[in-house]
């Protein structure tokens, strides 16, 4: 029996069709710019996200870091959410490797950053302060989709204050599918966009950083310096092309499965989850149980979950409607079983 892995959408396995195009990929030396499949992926990503060009990166962590380092100098500052991936979960790379100071702000309930607080956090043009250079947003954030009107207002603020805009769009296609809009309606407000291929889109490796020719030229140099120059990377890029051409519209299935899981959990005594706030493929729940015992119990029944105190469950292309039913069955069994 295959495991039902709900820890993250990073655990997806490449499909037979994806493996086939990867095996047959036409390759060259990407450091010389000669890998035709990498070049095709970068052109496709730029076209889809509405930018001049793009850069294939090993990971979302790398593409976010390259965006920051390509747009900020030593001693500059970026404004970011307190629980944003670019600040909290990427090893402090901007500060450690870029000498870029983060200015974190608390998120609002809907995943936005309060624009009045953002404006108040921008430093004066004075040598006592770091230079505020970049405003970073995340879409989706904890599964929540940023409204288009908010993005417009954020862009207006950035333009007024002379800031660049970066989007950590690891799951930006989840956001576009949820809103029912072309992804360019989201990305048009940003100077750079990082988009993961290895989450809900199902590729085994990689992200793309999209932006202007000038910015991506800088990012490419930083990528090489950071050891990210790859050779016959078309084998990996082929998986990314397949992901972008086959696995976007089906994201709505992941959203539907997450909603069914949330509704089912909400009906179980001992679990608190608000299904009304589940928007995409990520849900959070509170459970009155020992998490280590819960994880062990679920694993015995083929369901893998994270052992953190706050239960986070993520649906993806390897999770079916039947898997949702099996998961709910296991949760119900655990909560009626004496421990």
C-alpha atoms as a PDB file:
ATOM      1  CA  UNK A   1       0.000   0.000   0.000  1.00  0.00           C
ATOM      2  CA  UNK A   2       1.425   3.387  -0.955  1.00  0.00           C
ATOM      3  CA  UNK A   3       1.824   5.815   1.941  1.00  0.00           C
ATOM      4  CA  UNK A   4      -0.566   8.734   2.232  1.00  0.00           C
ATOM      5  CA  UNK A   5       1.971  11.496   2.842  1.00  0.00           C
ATOM      6  CA  UNK A   6       0.323  14.726   3.992  1.00  0.00           C
ATOM      7  CA  UNK A   7       3.402  16.498   5.366  1.00  0.00           C
ATOM      8  CA  UNK A   8       3.929  18.713   2.313  1.00  0.00           C
ATOM      9  CA  UNK A   9       3.413  18.955  -1.437  1.00  0.00           C
ATOM     10  CA  UNK A  10       7.206  18.651  -1.757  1.00  0.00           C
ATOM     11  CA  UNK A  11       6.905  14.869  -1.387  1.00  0.00           C
ATOM     12  CA  UNK A  12       5.301  14.284  -4.792  1.00  0.00           C
ATOM     13  CA  UNK A  13       6.867  11.706  -7.096  1.00  0.00           C
ATOM     14  CA  UNK A  14       7.312  12.357 -10.841  1.00  0.00           C
ATOM     15  CA  UNK A  15       4.669  10.621 -12.928  1.00  0.00           C
ATOM     16  CA  UNK A  16       5.406   8.082 -15.650  1.00  0.00           C
ATOM     17  CA  UNK A  17       4.862  10.756 -18.289  1.00  0.00           C
ATOM     18  CA  UNK A  18       7.204  13.165 -16.541  1.00  0.00           C
ATOM     19  CA  UNK A  19       9.891  10.512 -16.127  1.00  0.00           C
ATOM     20  CA  UNK A  20       9.641   9.696 -19.818  1.00  0.00           C
ATOM     21  CA  UNK A  21      10.290  13.262 -21.001  1.00  0.00           C
ATOM     22  CA  UNK A  22      13.127  13.590 -18.490  1.00  0.00           C
ATOM     23  CA  UNK A  23      14.758  10.441 -19.821  1.00  0.00           C
ATOM     24  CA  UNK A  24      14.445  11.664 -23.402  1.00  0.00           C
ATOM     25  CA  UNK A  25      15.522  15.276 -22.735  1.00  0.00           C
ATOM     26  CA  UNK A  26      17.890  16.963 -25.157  1.00  0.00           C
ATOM     27  CA  UNK A  27      20.784  18.321 -23.051  1.00  0.00           C
ATOM     28  CA  UNK A  28      23.907  20.480 -23.230  1.00  0.00           C
ATOM     29  CA  UNK A  29      26.123  22.438 -20.853  1.00  0.00           C
ATOM     30  CA  UNK A  30      23.910  24.989 -19.108  1.00  0.00           C
ATOM     31  CA  UNK A  31      26.848  26.956 -17.668  1.00  0.00           C
ATOM     32  CA  UNK A  32      27.728  27.753 -21.299  1.00  0.00           C
ATOM     33  CA  UNK A  33      24.043  28.463 -21.947  1.00  0.00           C
ATOM     34  CA  UNK A  34      23.907  25.462 -24.277  1.00  0.00           C
ATOM     35  CA  UNK A  35      21.288  23.229 -22.685  1.00  0.00           C
ATOM     36  CA  UNK A  36      18.284  23.512 -25.030  1.00  0.00           C
ATOM     37  CA  UNK A  37      15.808  22.083 -22.526  1.00  0.00           C
ATOM     38  CA  UNK A  38      16.860  24.492 -19.777  1.00  0.00           C
ATOM     39  CA  UNK A  39      16.605  27.356 -22.255  1.00  0.00           C
ATOM     40  CA  UNK A  40      13.127  26.189 -23.237  1.00  0.00           C
ATOM     41  CA  UNK A  41      12.026  25.986 -19.606  1.00  0.00           C
ATOM     42  CA  UNK A  42      13.297  29.484 -18.877  1.00  0.00           C
ATOM     43  CA  UNK A  43      11.540  30.908 -21.947  1.00  0.00           C
ATOM     44  CA  UNK A  44       8.302  29.115 -21.058  1.00  0.00           C
ATOM     45  CA  UNK A  45       8.369  30.300 -17.440  1.00  0.00           C
ATOM     46  CA  UNK A  46       9.056  33.906 -18.458  1.00  0.00           C
ATOM     47  CA  UNK A  47       6.204  33.828 -20.974  1.00  0.00           C
ATOM     48  CA  UNK A  48       3.755  32.283 -18.529  1.00  0.00           C
ATOM     49  CA  UNK A  49       4.608  34.644 -15.661  1.00  0.00           C
ATOM     50  CA  UNK A  50       4.878  37.748 -17.842  1.00  0.00           C
ATOM     51  CA  UNK A  51       8.527  38.696 -17.428  1.00  0.00           C
ATOM     52  CA  UNK A  52      11.392  39.348 -19.815  1.00  0.00           C
ATOM     53  CA  UNK A  53      13.365  36.258 -18.880  1.00  0.00           C
ATOM     54  CA  UNK A  54      13.873  33.586 -16.214  1.00  0.00           C
ATOM     55  CA  UNK A  55      16.535  31.510 -14.500  1.00  0.00           C
ATOM     56  CA  UNK A  56      16.343  27.809 -13.578  1.00  0.00           C
ATOM     57  CA  UNK A  57      17.390  27.339  -9.941  1.00  0.00           C
ATOM     58  CA  UNK A  58      18.000  24.300  -7.802  1.00  0.00           C
ATOM     59  CA  UNK A  59      15.379  25.252  -5.205  1.00  0.00           C
ATOM     60  CA  UNK A  60      12.989  27.911  -3.976  1.00  0.00           C
ATOM     61  CA  UNK A  61      15.452  28.820  -1.257  1.00  0.00           C
ATOM     62  CA  UNK A  62      18.067  29.517  -3.917  1.00  0.00           C
ATOM     63  CA  UNK A  63      15.730  31.471  -6.205  1.00  0.00           C
ATOM     64  CA  UNK A  64      14.505  33.659  -3.333  1.00  0.00           C
ATOM     65  CA  UNK A  65      18.069  34.345  -2.213  1.00  0.00           C
ATOM     66  CA  UNK A  66      19.137  35.217  -5.761  1.00  0.00           C
ATOM     67  CA  UNK A  67      16.231  37.654  -6.062  1.00  0.00           C
ATOM     68  CA  UNK A  68      17.268  39.422  -2.869  1.00  0.00           C
ATOM     69  CA  UNK A  69      20.964  39.518  -3.753  1.00  0.00           C
ATOM     70  CA  UNK A  70      20.290  40.726  -7.300  1.00  0.00           C
ATOM     71  CA  UNK A  71      18.173  43.647  -6.077  1.00  0.00           C
ATOM     72  CA  UNK A  72      19.868  44.620  -2.811  1.00  0.00           C
ATOM     73  CA  UNK A  73      23.403  45.648  -1.917  1.00  0.00           C
ATOM     74  CA  UNK A  74      25.311  45.100   1.322  1.00  0.00           C
ATOM     75  CA  UNK A  75      23.624  47.133   4.038  1.00  0.00           C
ATOM     76  CA  UNK A  76      20.261  47.286   2.286  1.00  0.00           C
ATOM     77  CA  UNK A  77      17.047  46.058   3.886  1.00  0.00           C
ATOM     78  CA  UNK A  78      14.035  44.054   2.787  1.00  0.00           C
ATOM     79  CA  UNK A  79      10.594  44.185   4.396  1.00  0.00           C
ATOM     80  CA  UNK A  80       9.113  40.733   4.899  1.00  0.00           C
ATOM     81  CA  UNK A  81       6.541  38.818   6.936  1.00  0.00           C
ATOM     82  CA  UNK A  82       7.525  37.392  10.330  1.00  0.00           C
ATOM     83  CA  UNK A  83       6.624  33.850   9.223  1.00  0.00           C
ATOM     84  CA  UNK A  84       7.534  34.260   5.558  1.00  0.00           C
ATOM     85  CA  UNK A  85       9.687  31.558   4.045  1.00  0.00           C
ATOM     86  CA  UNK A  86      12.298  34.054   2.841  1.00  0.00           C
ATOM     87  CA  UNK A  87      12.841  35.205   6.422  1.00  0.00           C
ATOM     88  CA  UNK A  88      12.119  32.311   8.760  1.00  0.00           C
ATOM     89  CA  UNK A  89      12.813  29.105   6.854  1.00  0.00           C
ATOM     90  CA  UNK A  90      15.769  29.753   4.560  1.00  0.00           C
ATOM     91  CA  UNK A  91      18.656  29.683   6.997  1.00  0.00           C
ATOM     92  CA  UNK A  92      19.056  33.456   7.183  1.00  0.00           C
ATOM     93  CA  UNK A  93      20.730  33.359   3.758  1.00  0.00           C
ATOM     94  CA  UNK A  94      20.004  37.000   2.907  1.00  0.00           C
ATOM     95  CA  UNK A  95      21.793  38.171   6.048  1.00  0.00           C
ATOM     96  CA  UNK A  96      24.536  35.519   6.070  1.00  0.00           C
ATOM     97  CA  UNK A  97      25.465  35.607   2.383  1.00  0.00           C
ATOM     98  CA  UNK A  98      24.036  38.900   1.138  1.00  0.00           C
ATOM     99  CA  UNK A  99      24.591  41.165   4.161  1.00  0.00           C
ATOM    100  CA  UNK A 100      20.961  42.216   3.641  1.00  0.00           C
ATOM    101  CA  UNK A 101      19.009  43.168   6.743  1.00  0.00           C
ATOM    102  CA  UNK A 102      15.488  41.782   7.136  1.00  0.00           C
ATOM    103  CA  UNK A 103      12.731  43.936   8.603  1.00  0.00           C
ATOM    104  CA  UNK A 104      10.050  41.412   9.601  1.00  0.00           C
ATOM    105  CA  UNK A 105       6.456  42.436  10.260  1.00  0.00           C
ATOM    106  CA  UNK A 106       3.558  40.412  11.647  1.00  0.00           C
ATOM    107  CA  UNK A 107       1.127  38.943   9.155  1.00  0.00           C
ATOM    108  CA  UNK A 108      -2.557  39.787   9.191  1.00  0.00           C
ATOM    109  CA  UNK A 109      -5.083  36.965   9.453  1.00  0.00           C
ATOM    110  CA  UNK A 110      -5.599  36.901   5.688  1.00  0.00           C
ATOM    111  CA  UNK A 111      -1.895  36.465   4.905  1.00  0.00           C
ATOM    112  CA  UNK A 112      -1.291  40.101   3.962  1.00  0.00           C
ATOM    113  CA  UNK A 113       1.080  42.620   5.516  1.00  0.00           C
ATOM    114  CA  UNK A 114      -0.614  45.778   6.767  1.00  0.00           C
ATOM    115  CA  UNK A 115       0.471  48.443   4.288  1.00  0.00           C
ATOM    116  CA  UNK A 116       0.404  51.216   6.891  1.00  0.00           C
ATOM    117  CA  UNK A 117       2.855  49.195   8.968  1.00  0.00           C
ATOM    118  CA  UNK A 118       4.935  48.515   5.863  1.00  0.00           C
ATOM    119  CA  UNK A 119       5.078  52.236   5.140  1.00  0.00           C
ATOM    120  CA  UNK A 120       6.027  52.953   8.746  1.00  0.00           C
ATOM    121  CA  UNK A 121       8.848  50.408   8.602  1.00  0.00           C
ATOM    122  CA  UNK A 122      10.563  52.082   5.642  1.00  0.00           C
ATOM    123  CA  UNK A 123      13.706  53.763   6.911  1.00  0.00           C
ATOM    124  CA  UNK A 124      14.503  57.455   6.359  1.00  0.00           C
ATOM    125  CA  UNK A 125      17.203  58.339   3.832  1.00  0.00           C
ATOM    126  CA  UNK A 126      19.788  58.769   6.580  1.00  0.00           C
ATOM    127  CA  UNK A 127      23.172  57.117   7.107  1.00  0.00           C
ATOM    128  CA  UNK A 128      22.066  55.912  10.557  1.00  0.00           C
ATOM    129  CA  UNK A 129      19.731  53.391   8.933  1.00  0.00           C
ATOM    130  CA  UNK A 130      19.863  50.511   6.519  1.00  0.00           C
ATOM    131  CA  UNK A 131      18.457  51.458   3.125  1.00  0.00           C
ATOM    132  CA  UNK A 132      15.009  49.946   2.629  1.00  0.00           C
ATOM    133  CA  UNK A 133      15.188  48.534  -0.881  1.00  0.00           C
ATOM    134  CA  UNK A 134      12.810  45.613  -1.338  1.00  0.00           C
ATOM    135  CA  UNK A 135       9.293  44.616  -0.294  1.00  0.00           C
ATOM    136  CA  UNK A 136       8.668  40.844  -0.238  1.00  0.00           C
ATOM    137  CA  UNK A 137       5.293  39.130  -0.274  1.00  0.00           C
ATOM    138  CA  UNK A 138       4.320  35.455  -0.268  1.00  0.00           C
ATOM    139  CA  UNK A 139       1.439  33.981  -2.282  1.00  0.00           C
ATOM    140  CA  UNK A 140       0.048  31.674  -1.133  1.00  0.00           C
ATOM    141  CA  UNK A 141       0.900  32.192   2.537  1.00  0.00           C
ATOM    142  CA  UNK A 142      -0.100  29.280   4.762  1.00  0.00           C
ATOM    143  CA  UNK A 143      -2.514  28.314   2.021  1.00  0.00           C
ATOM    144  CA  UNK A 144      -4.132  31.755   1.863  1.00  0.00           C
ATOM    145  CA  UNK A 145      -4.415  33.700  -1.369  1.00  0.00           C
ATOM    146  CA  UNK A 146      -3.595  37.419  -1.498  1.00  0.00           C
ATOM    147  CA  UNK A 147      -6.426  39.474  -3.066  1.00  0.00           C
ATOM    148  CA  UNK A 148      -5.685  41.223  -6.356  1.00  0.00           C
ATOM    149  CA  UNK A 149      -6.793  44.581  -4.918  1.00  0.00           C
ATOM    150  CA  UNK A 150      -4.241  44.178  -2.151  1.00  0.00           C
ATOM    151  CA  UNK A 151      -1.483  43.473  -4.678  1.00  0.00           C
ATOM    152  CA  UNK A 152      -2.419  46.660  -6.548  1.00  0.00           C
ATOM    153  CA  UNK A 153      -2.262  48.692  -3.341  1.00  0.00           C
ATOM    154  CA  UNK A 154       1.065  47.104  -2.361  1.00  0.00           C
ATOM    155  CA  UNK A 155       2.521  47.957  -5.792  1.00  0.00           C
ATOM    156  CA  UNK A 156       1.309  51.547  -5.504  1.00  0.00           C
ATOM    157  CA  UNK A 157       3.008  51.851  -2.128  1.00  0.00           C
ATOM    158  CA  UNK A 158       6.240  50.340  -3.444  1.00  0.00           C
ATOM    159  CA  UNK A 159       6.269  52.695  -6.434  1.00  0.00           C
ATOM    160  CA  UNK A 160       5.568  55.693  -4.220  1.00  0.00           C
ATOM    161  CA  UNK A 161       8.412  54.761  -1.855  1.00  0.00           C
ATOM    162  CA  UNK A 162      10.873  53.666  -4.541  1.00  0.00           C
ATOM    163  CA  UNK A 163      10.921  49.999  -3.508  1.00  0.00           C
ATOM    164  CA  UNK A 164      11.334  46.929  -5.661  1.00  0.00           C
ATOM    165  CA  UNK A 165       8.825  44.092  -5.214  1.00  0.00           C
ATOM    166  CA  UNK A 166       9.637  40.367  -4.887  1.00  0.00           C
ATOM    167  CA  UNK A 167       7.071  37.581  -4.780  1.00  0.00           C
ATOM    168  CA  UNK A 168       7.839  34.285  -3.140  1.00  0.00           C
ATOM    169  CA  UNK A 169       5.387  32.526  -5.413  1.00  0.00           C
ATOM    170  CA  UNK A 170       6.280  28.979  -4.446  1.00  0.00           C
ATOM    171  CA  UNK A 171       2.583  28.180  -4.867  1.00  0.00           C
ATOM    172  CA  UNK A 172       1.569  31.086  -7.087  1.00  0.00           C
ATOM    173  CA  UNK A 173      -0.264  28.751  -9.473  1.00  0.00           C
ATOM    174  CA  UNK A 174      -2.375  27.529  -6.553  1.00  0.00           C
ATOM    175  CA  UNK A 175      -3.306  31.180  -6.045  1.00  0.00           C
ATOM    176  CA  UNK A 176      -4.175  31.759  -9.711  1.00  0.00           C
ATOM    177  CA  UNK A 177      -6.268  28.590  -9.900  1.00  0.00           C
ATOM    178  CA  UNK A 178      -8.135  29.549  -6.746  1.00  0.00           C
ATOM    179  CA  UNK A 179      -8.852  33.058  -8.057  1.00  0.00           C
ATOM    180  CA  UNK A 180      -9.686  31.771 -11.539  1.00  0.00           C
ATOM    181  CA  UNK A 181      -7.281  34.210 -13.201  1.00  0.00           C
ATOM    182  CA  UNK A 182      -4.229  33.949 -15.430  1.00  0.00           C
ATOM    183  CA  UNK A 183      -1.146  33.872 -13.229  1.00  0.00           C
ATOM    184  CA  UNK A 184       0.089  37.073 -14.905  1.00  0.00           C
ATOM    185  CA  UNK A 185      -2.759  38.919 -13.169  1.00  0.00           C
ATOM    186  CA  UNK A 186      -0.845  38.188  -9.946  1.00  0.00           C
ATOM    187  CA  UNK A 187       2.760  38.425 -11.079  1.00  0.00           C
ATOM    188  CA  UNK A 188       2.366  41.707 -12.991  1.00  0.00           C
ATOM    189  CA  UNK A 189       2.828  43.662  -9.762  1.00  0.00           C
ATOM    190  CA  UNK A 190       6.288  42.270  -9.000  1.00  0.00           C
ATOM    191  CA  UNK A 191       9.808  42.902 -10.257  1.00  0.00           C
ATOM    192  CA  UNK A 192      10.872  39.332  -9.508  1.00  0.00           C
ATOM    193  CA  UNK A 193       8.926  36.134  -8.922  1.00  0.00           C
ATOM    194  CA  UNK A 194      10.155  32.834  -7.532  1.00  0.00           C
ATOM    195  CA  UNK A 195       7.993  29.886  -8.582  1.00  0.00           C
ATOM    196  CA  UNK A 196       8.543  26.334  -7.327  1.00  0.00           C
ATOM    197  CA  UNK A 197       8.245  23.461  -9.788  1.00  0.00           C
ATOM    198  CA  UNK A 198       8.745  20.812  -7.097  1.00  0.00           C
ATOM    199  CA  UNK A 199       5.676  21.430  -4.931  1.00  0.00           C
ATOM    200  CA  UNK A 200       2.135  21.080  -6.237  1.00  0.00           C
ATOM    201  CA  UNK A 201       3.322  21.062  -9.842  1.00  0.00           C
ATOM    202  CA  UNK A 202       5.009  17.738  -9.193  1.00  0.00           C
ATOM    203  CA  UNK A 203       8.530  18.127 -10.622  1.00  0.00           C
ATOM    204  CA  UNK A 204      11.283  16.385  -8.625  1.00  0.00           C
ATOM    205  CA  UNK A 205      13.655  19.367  -8.436  1.00  0.00           C
ATOM    206  CA  UNK A 206      13.819  23.070  -9.085  1.00  0.00           C
ATOM    207  CA  UNK A 207      12.348  26.543  -9.128  1.00  0.00           C
ATOM    208  CA  UNK A 208      12.407  29.380 -11.624  1.00  0.00           C
ATOM    209  CA  UNK A 209      13.245  32.994 -10.868  1.00  0.00           C
ATOM    210  CA  UNK A 210      11.521  35.361 -13.285  1.00  0.00           C
ATOM    211  CA  UNK A 211      12.326  39.022 -13.850  1.00  0.00           C
ATOM    212  CA  UNK A 212      13.968  41.580 -16.093  1.00  0.00           C
ATOM    213  CA  UNK A 213      16.992  40.842 -18.257  1.00  0.00           C
ATOM    214  CA  UNK A 214      19.184  43.056 -16.070  1.00  0.00           C
ATOM    215  CA  UNK A 215      18.062  41.480 -12.786  1.00  0.00           C
ATOM    216  CA  UNK A 216      18.312  37.906 -14.043  1.00  0.00           C
ATOM    217  CA  UNK A 217      21.801  38.610 -15.394  1.00  0.00           C
ATOM    218  CA  UNK A 218      22.846  39.567 -11.852  1.00  0.00           C
ATOM    219  CA  UNK A 219      21.029  36.562 -10.415  1.00  0.00           C
ATOM    220  CA  UNK A 220      22.772  34.214 -12.840  1.00  0.00           C
ATOM    221  CA  UNK A 221      26.149  35.484 -11.646  1.00  0.00           C
ATOM    222  CA  UNK A 222      25.162  35.001  -8.014  1.00  0.00           C
ATOM    223  CA  UNK A 223      23.856  31.520  -8.827  1.00  0.00           C
ATOM    224  CA  UNK A 224      27.284  30.552 -10.152  1.00  0.00           C
ATOM    225  CA  UNK A 225      29.016  32.026  -7.105  1.00  0.00           C
ATOM    226  CA  UNK A 226      26.699  30.010  -4.829  1.00  0.00           C
ATOM    227  CA  UNK A 227      27.522  26.748  -6.640  1.00  0.00           C
ATOM    228  CA  UNK A 228      24.258  26.630  -8.566  1.00  0.00           C
ATOM    229  CA  UNK A 229      25.740  26.444 -12.046  1.00  0.00           C
ATOM    230  CA  UNK A 230      24.530  23.125 -13.457  1.00  0.00           C
ATOM    231  CA  UNK A 231      25.746  21.260 -16.526  1.00  0.00           C
ATOM    232  CA  UNK A 232      23.392  18.860 -18.359  1.00  0.00           C
ATOM    233  CA  UNK A 233      20.481  20.141 -16.307  1.00  0.00           C
ATOM    234  CA  UNK A 234      17.959  19.605 -19.084  1.00  0.00           C
ATOM    235  CA  UNK A 235      17.120  16.247 -17.527  1.00  0.00           C
ATOM    236  CA  UNK A 236      15.708  18.206 -14.565  1.00  0.00           C
ATOM    237  CA  UNK A 237      14.336  21.068 -16.647  1.00  0.00           C
ATOM    238  CA  UNK A 238      12.271  18.621 -18.711  1.00  0.00           C
ATOM    239  CA  UNK A 239      10.367  17.726 -15.544  1.00  0.00           C
ATOM    240  CA  UNK A 240       9.706  21.420 -14.985  1.00  0.00           C
ATOM    241  CA  UNK A 241       8.375  21.877 -18.518  1.00  0.00           C
ATOM    242  CA  UNK A 242       6.077  18.895 -18.050  1.00  0.00           C
ATOM    243  CA  UNK A 243       4.881  20.353 -14.731  1.00  0.00           C
ATOM    244  CA  UNK A 244       4.052  23.726 -16.268  1.00  0.00           C
ATOM    245  CA  UNK A 245       2.226  22.198 -19.234  1.00  0.00           C
ATOM    246  CA  UNK A 246       0.343  19.365 -17.509  1.00  0.00           C
ATOM    247  CA  UNK A 247      -0.122  20.003 -13.790  1.00  0.00           C
ATOM    248  CA  UNK A 248      -1.583  23.483 -13.289  1.00  0.00           C
ATOM    249  CA  UNK A 249      -5.308  23.079 -13.899  1.00  0.00           C
ATOM    250  CA  UNK A 250      -5.388  19.904 -11.821  1.00  0.00           C
ATOM    251  CA  UNK A 251      -4.388  21.928  -8.724  1.00  0.00           C
ATOM    252  CA  UNK A 252      -8.108  22.499  -8.218  1.00  0.00           C
ATOM    253  CA  UNK A 253      -8.359  18.797  -7.330  1.00  0.00           C
ATOM    254  CA  UNK A 254      -5.864  19.317  -4.503  1.00  0.00           C
ATOM    255  CA  UNK A 255      -7.910  22.276  -3.264  1.00  0.00           C
ATOM    256  CA  UNK A 256     -11.085  20.191  -3.318  1.00  0.00           C
ATOM    257  CA  UNK A 257      -9.386  17.357  -1.430  1.00  0.00           C
ATOM    258  CA  UNK A 258      -8.084  19.772   1.200  1.00  0.00           C
ATOM    259  CA  UNK A 259     -11.603  21.135   1.692  1.00  0.00           C
ATOM    260  CA  UNK A 260     -13.072  17.632   2.035  1.00  0.00           C
ATOM    261  CA  UNK A 261     -10.376  16.745   4.558  1.00  0.00           C
ATOM    262  CA  UNK A 262     -11.076  19.927   6.531  1.00  0.00           C
ATOM    263  CA  UNK A 263     -14.824  19.313   6.560  1.00  0.00           C
ATOM    264  CA  UNK A 264     -14.318  15.712   7.626  1.00  0.00           C
ATOM    265  CA  UNK A 265     -11.927  16.632  10.432  1.00  0.00           C
ATOM    266  CA  UNK A 266     -14.309  19.342  11.667  1.00  0.00           C
ATOM    267  CA  UNK A 267     -16.914  16.629  12.287  1.00  0.00           C
ATOM    268  CA  UNK A 268     -14.591  14.644  14.574  1.00  0.00           C
ATOM    269  CA  UNK A 269     -14.683  15.347  18.308  1.00  0.00           C
ATOM    270  CA  UNK A 270     -11.276  16.368  19.577  1.00  0.00           C
ATOM    271  CA  UNK A 271     -10.203  18.198  16.416  1.00  0.00           C
ATOM    272  CA  UNK A 272     -10.714  21.890  15.774  1.00  0.00           C
ATOM    273  CA  UNK A 273     -10.473  23.120  12.191  1.00  0.00           C
ATOM    274  CA  UNK A 274     -12.191  25.992  10.425  1.00  0.00           C
ATOM    275  CA  UNK A 275     -13.000  24.683   6.962  1.00  0.00           C
ATOM    276  CA  UNK A 276     -14.238  28.125   5.915  1.00  0.00           C
ATOM    277  CA  UNK A 277     -10.710  29.524   5.830  1.00  0.00           C
ATOM    278  CA  UNK A 278      -9.236  26.681   3.769  1.00  0.00           C
ATOM    279  CA  UNK A 279      -8.571  28.209   0.354  1.00  0.00           C
ATOM    280  CA  UNK A 280      -6.043  26.019  -1.436  1.00  0.00           C
ATOM    281  CA  UNK A 281      -4.169  22.821  -0.585  1.00  0.00           C
ATOM    282  CA  UNK A 282      -3.001  23.572   2.967  1.00  0.00           C
ATOM    283  CA  UNK A 283      -5.018  23.314   6.158  1.00  0.00           C
ATOM    284  CA  UNK A 284      -4.257  23.670   9.839  1.00  0.00           C
ATOM    285  CA  UNK A 285      -5.985  21.994  12.751  1.00  0.00           C
ATOM    286  CA  UNK A 286      -5.716  21.750  16.518  1.00  0.00           C
ATOM    287  CA  UNK A 287      -6.009  18.290  18.019  1.00  0.00           C
ATOM    288  CA  UNK A 288      -6.239  17.303  21.659  1.00  0.00           C
ATOM    289  CA  UNK A 289      -3.709  14.503  21.571  1.00  0.00           C
ATOM    290  CA  UNK A 290      -0.092  13.559  22.105  1.00  0.00           C
ATOM    291  CA  UNK A 291       1.417  14.334  18.689  1.00  0.00           C
ATOM    292  CA  UNK A 292       4.106  11.661  18.903  1.00  0.00           C
ATOM    293  CA  UNK A 293       1.501   9.000  19.637  1.00  0.00           C
ATOM    294  CA  UNK A 294      -0.715  10.365  16.885  1.00  0.00           C
ATOM    295  CA  UNK A 295       2.089  10.308  14.303  1.00  0.00           C
ATOM    296  CA  UNK A 296       3.039   6.760  15.256  1.00  0.00           C
ATOM    297  CA  UNK A 297      -0.576   5.583  15.105  1.00  0.00           C
ATOM    298  CA  UNK A 298      -1.207   7.218  11.733  1.00  0.00           C
ATOM    299  CA  UNK A 299       2.018   5.843  10.268  1.00  0.00           C
ATOM    300  CA  UNK A 300       0.949   2.320  11.204  1.00  0.00           C
ATOM    301  CA  UNK A 301      -2.126   2.929   9.082  1.00  0.00           C
ATOM    302  CA  UNK A 302      -0.153   4.285   6.143  1.00  0.00           C
ATOM    303  CA  UNK A 303      -0.728   8.004   6.805  1.00  0.00           C
ATOM    304  CA  UNK A 304       2.323  10.220   7.291  1.00  0.00           C
ATOM    305  CA  UNK A 305       1.867  13.569   9.069  1.00  0.00           C
ATOM    306  CA  UNK A 306       4.162  16.161  10.600  1.00  0.00           C
ATOM    307  CA  UNK A 307       4.890  15.841  14.316  1.00  0.00           C
ATOM    308  CA  UNK A 308       4.728  19.575  15.128  1.00  0.00           C
ATOM    309  CA  UNK A 309       2.277  20.706  17.800  1.00  0.00           C
ATOM    310  CA  UNK A 310       0.025  22.475  15.283  1.00  0.00           C
ATOM    311  CA  UNK A 311      -1.302  19.985  12.755  1.00  0.00           C
ATOM    312  CA  UNK A 312      -0.549  21.036   9.159  1.00  0.00           C
ATOM    313  CA  UNK A 313      -1.876  18.864   6.346  1.00  0.00           C
ATOM    314  CA  UNK A 314      -1.093  19.392   2.661  1.00  0.00           C
ATOM    315  CA  UNK A 315      -2.800  17.755  -0.300  1.00  0.00           C
ATOM    316  CA  UNK A 316      -1.099  17.180  -3.649  1.00  0.00           C
ATOM    317  CA  UNK A 317      -1.191  15.148  -6.857  1.00  0.00           C
ATOM    318  CA  UNK A 318      -0.321  11.888  -5.070  1.00  0.00           C
ATOM    319  CA  UNK A 319      -3.343  12.228  -2.742  1.00  0.00           C
ATOM    320  CA  UNK A 320      -6.668  10.895  -4.013  1.00  0.00           C
ATOM    321  CA  UNK A 321     -10.247  11.184  -2.768  1.00  0.00           C
ATOM    322  CA  UNK A 322      -9.893   7.640  -1.421  1.00  0.00           C
ATOM    323  CA  UNK A 323      -6.784   8.703   0.495  1.00  0.00           C
ATOM    324  CA  UNK A 324      -8.790  11.469   2.149  1.00  0.00           C
ATOM    325  CA  UNK A 325     -11.353   8.911   3.307  1.00  0.00           C
ATOM    326  CA  UNK A 326      -8.635   6.618   4.665  1.00  0.00           C
ATOM    327  CA  UNK A 327      -7.052   9.547   6.502  1.00  0.00           C
ATOM    328  CA  UNK A 328     -10.333  10.563   8.108  1.00  0.00           C
ATOM    329  CA  UNK A 329     -10.974   6.960   9.097  1.00  0.00           C
ATOM    330  CA  UNK A 330      -7.576   6.795  10.827  1.00  0.00           C
ATOM    331  CA  UNK A 331      -8.169  10.071  12.697  1.00  0.00           C
ATOM    332  CA  UNK A 332     -11.567   8.859  13.892  1.00  0.00           C
ATOM    333  CA  UNK A 333     -10.080   5.555  15.047  1.00  0.00           C
ATOM    334  CA  UNK A 334      -7.307   7.300  16.955  1.00  0.00           C
ATOM    335  CA  UNK A 335      -9.627   9.662  18.804  1.00  0.00           C
ATOM    336  CA  UNK A 336     -11.921   6.888  20.054  1.00  0.00           C
ATOM    337  CA  UNK A 337      -9.023   4.624  21.023  1.00  0.00           C
ATOM    338  CA  UNK A 338      -7.898   4.810  24.699  1.00  0.00           C
ATOM    339  CA  UNK A 339      -4.239   5.740  25.234  1.00  0.00           C
END
